[in-house]
Amino acid sequence: MYSDAKSTAIIFKAFCDENRIKILQLLMDGEKCACKLLEALNITQPTLSHHMKTLLDSGIVNGRKEGKWMHYSVSAEGLEKAQEYLNSLKNKVKGE
């Protein structure tokens, strides 16, 4: 299922930064505008853009443009892919 190690690494890279975890926690309450994320995180716009690119590339977060602002939300499909990979590892360890 996950024979592409690079794709899997991109997914899990999204979880390997404290700011990205905070962004995911904020998005668990629903879609947020980049401006709201900036306010909540106290980081610069270029730093937010860097983190959002990583999250978007991983498929864990979806983005849509509305006017001049980007709006972000958690991707259920992206989270499912990450969960499937973890489950496959767990099943291999258990010998299933």
C-alpha atoms as a PDB file:
ATOM      1  CA  MET A   1       0.000   0.000   0.000  1.00  0.00           C
ATOM      2  CA  TYR A   2       2.751   2.475   0.963  1.00  0.00           C
ATOM      3  CA  SER A   3       5.573   1.365  -1.276  1.00  0.00           C
ATOM      4  CA  ASP A   4       6.465   4.977  -2.027  1.00  0.00           C
ATOM      5  CA  ALA A   5       8.704   5.915   0.896  1.00  0.00           C
ATOM      6  CA  LYS A   6       9.030   9.519  -0.293  1.00  0.00           C
ATOM      7  CA  SER A   7       5.249  10.106  -0.191  1.00  0.00           C
ATOM      8  CA  THR A   8       5.051   8.562   3.262  1.00  0.00           C
ATOM      9  CA  ALA A   9       7.932  10.720   4.500  1.00  0.00           C
ATOM     10  CA  ILE A  10       6.151  13.848   3.207  1.00  0.00           C
ATOM     11  CA  ILE A  11       3.020  12.891   5.144  1.00  0.00           C
ATOM     12  CA  PHE A  12       4.885  12.388   8.395  1.00  0.00           C
ATOM     13  CA  LYS A  13       7.082  15.462   7.933  1.00  0.00           C
ATOM     14  CA  ALA A  14       3.868  17.428   8.509  1.00  0.00           C
ATOM     15  CA  PHE A  15       3.747  16.111  12.084  1.00  0.00           C
ATOM     16  CA  CYS A  16       7.409  16.834  12.891  1.00  0.00           C
ATOM     17  CA  ASP A  17       7.217  20.468  13.899  1.00  0.00           C
ATOM     18  CA  GLU A  18       5.677  22.104  16.952  1.00  0.00           C
ATOM     19  CA  ASN A  19       4.144  24.957  14.922  1.00  0.00           C
ATOM     20  CA  ARG A  20       2.558  22.538  12.450  1.00  0.00           C
ATOM     21  CA  ILE A  21       1.046  20.570  15.326  1.00  0.00           C
ATOM     22  CA  LYS A  22      -0.361  23.816  16.732  1.00  0.00           C
ATOM     23  CA  ILE A  23      -1.787  24.667  13.301  1.00  0.00           C
ATOM     24  CA  LEU A  24      -3.461  21.259  13.102  1.00  0.00           C
ATOM     25  CA  GLN A  25      -4.902  21.731  16.587  1.00  0.00           C
ATOM     26  CA  LEU A  26      -6.340  25.106  15.566  1.00  0.00           C
ATOM     27  CA  LEU A  27      -7.813  23.623  12.391  1.00  0.00           C
ATOM     28  CA  MET A  28      -9.499  20.779  14.286  1.00  0.00           C
ATOM     29  CA  ASP A  29     -12.156  23.338  15.290  1.00  0.00           C
ATOM     30  CA  GLY A  30     -12.883  24.033  11.618  1.00  0.00           C
ATOM     31  CA  GLU A  31     -11.623  26.040   8.688  1.00  0.00           C
ATOM     32  CA  LYS A  32      -9.444  29.032   9.508  1.00  0.00           C
ATOM     33  CA  CYS A  33      -8.209  31.981   7.508  1.00  0.00           C
ATOM     34  CA  ALA A  34      -4.439  32.433   7.366  1.00  0.00           C
ATOM     35  CA  CYS A  35      -4.910  35.737   9.190  1.00  0.00           C
ATOM     36  CA  LYS A  36      -6.479  33.921  12.181  1.00  0.00           C
ATOM     37  CA  LEU A  37      -3.648  31.387  12.232  1.00  0.00           C
ATOM     38  CA  LEU A  38      -1.119  34.218  12.246  1.00  0.00           C
ATOM     39  CA  GLU A  39      -2.832  35.858  15.215  1.00  0.00           C
ATOM     40  CA  ALA A  40      -3.006  32.626  17.194  1.00  0.00           C
ATOM     41  CA  LEU A  41       0.574  31.514  16.553  1.00  0.00           C
ATOM     42  CA  ASN A  42       2.519  34.768  16.835  1.00  0.00           C
ATOM     43  CA  ILE A  43       4.716  33.887  13.842  1.00  0.00           C
ATOM     44  CA  THR A  44       5.539  35.812  10.682  1.00  0.00           C
ATOM     45  CA  GLN A  45       3.616  35.417   7.431  1.00  0.00           C
ATOM     46  CA  PRO A  46       6.612  33.828   5.612  1.00  0.00           C
ATOM     47  CA  THR A  47       6.966  31.286   8.442  1.00  0.00           C
ATOM     48  CA  LEU A  48       3.268  30.459   8.254  1.00  0.00           C
ATOM     49  CA  SER A  49       3.534  30.073   4.476  1.00  0.00           C
ATOM     50  CA  HIS A  50       6.417  27.641   4.897  1.00  0.00           C
ATOM     51  CA  HIS A  51       4.465  25.510   7.375  1.00  0.00           C
ATOM     52  CA  MET A  52       1.285  25.614   5.298  1.00  0.00           C
ATOM     53  CA  LYS A  53       3.171  24.466   2.197  1.00  0.00           C
ATOM     54  CA  THR A  54       4.450  21.455   4.120  1.00  0.00           C
ATOM     55  CA  LEU A  55       0.954  20.665   5.408  1.00  0.00           C
ATOM     56  CA  LEU A  56      -0.612  21.114   1.963  1.00  0.00           C
ATOM     57  CA  ASP A  57       2.061  18.990   0.265  1.00  0.00           C
ATOM     58  CA  SER A  58       1.414  16.215   2.777  1.00  0.00           C
ATOM     59  CA  GLY A  59      -2.308  16.175   2.012  1.00  0.00           C
ATOM     60  CA  ILE A  60      -3.111  16.592   5.719  1.00  0.00           C
ATOM     61  CA  VAL A  61      -4.509  20.090   5.108  1.00  0.00           C
ATOM     62  CA  ASN A  62      -6.645  21.531   2.306  1.00  0.00           C
ATOM     63  CA  GLY A  63      -6.448  25.143   1.210  1.00  0.00           C
ATOM     64  CA  ARG A  64      -8.751  27.405  -0.752  1.00  0.00           C
ATOM     65  CA  LYS A  65      -8.315  31.013  -1.782  1.00  0.00           C
ATOM     66  CA  GLU A  66     -11.039  33.529  -1.019  1.00  0.00           C
ATOM     67  CA  GLY A  67     -10.187  37.050  -2.105  1.00  0.00           C
ATOM     68  CA  LYS A  68      -6.690  37.798  -0.919  1.00  0.00           C
ATOM     69  CA  TRP A  69      -6.748  35.267   1.918  1.00  0.00           C
ATOM     70  CA  MET A  70      -6.153  31.541   2.050  1.00  0.00           C
ATOM     71  CA  HIS A  71      -8.469  29.420   4.154  1.00  0.00           C
ATOM     72  CA  TYR A  72      -7.254  26.105   5.518  1.00  0.00           C
ATOM     73  CA  SER A  73      -8.957  22.997   6.850  1.00  0.00           C
ATOM     74  CA  VAL A  74      -7.931  19.513   7.934  1.00  0.00           C
ATOM     75  CA  SER A  75      -8.255  16.867   5.236  1.00  0.00           C
ATOM     76  CA  ALA A  76     -10.039  13.755   6.469  1.00  0.00           C
ATOM     77  CA  GLU A  77      -8.570  11.854   3.518  1.00  0.00           C
ATOM     78  CA  GLY A  78      -5.038  12.960   4.403  1.00  0.00           C
ATOM     79  CA  LEU A  79      -5.462  11.912   8.012  1.00  0.00           C
ATOM     80  CA  GLU A  80      -6.870   8.590   6.847  1.00  0.00           C
ATOM     81  CA  LYS A  81      -3.748   7.933   4.730  1.00  0.00           C
ATOM     82  CA  ALA A  82      -1.516   8.592   7.722  1.00  0.00           C
ATOM     83  CA  GLN A  83      -3.675   6.338   9.898  1.00  0.00           C
ATOM     84  CA  GLU A  84      -3.656   3.549   7.304  1.00  0.00           C
ATOM     85  CA  TYR A  85       0.122   3.604   7.189  1.00  0.00           C
ATOM     86  CA  LEU A  86       0.403   3.475  10.981  1.00  0.00           C
ATOM     87  CA  ASN A  87      -2.114   0.623  11.073  1.00  0.00           C
ATOM     88  CA  SER A  88      -0.130  -1.323   8.471  1.00  0.00           C
ATOM     89  CA  LEU A  89       3.019  -0.948  10.596  1.00  0.00           C
ATOM     90  CA  LYS A  90       1.154  -2.005  13.717  1.00  0.00           C
ATOM     91  CA  ASN A  91      -0.271  -5.063  11.973  1.00  0.00           C
ATOM     92  CA  LYS A  92       3.177  -6.096  10.738  1.00  0.00           C
ATOM     93  CA  VAL A  93       4.573  -5.839  14.267  1.00  0.00           C
ATOM     94  CA  LYS A  94       1.703  -7.981  15.547  1.00  0.00           C
ATOM     95  CA  GLY A  95       2.297 -10.462  12.726  1.00  0.00           C
ATOM     96  CA  GLU A  96      -1.107 -10.040  11.157  1.00  0.00           C
END
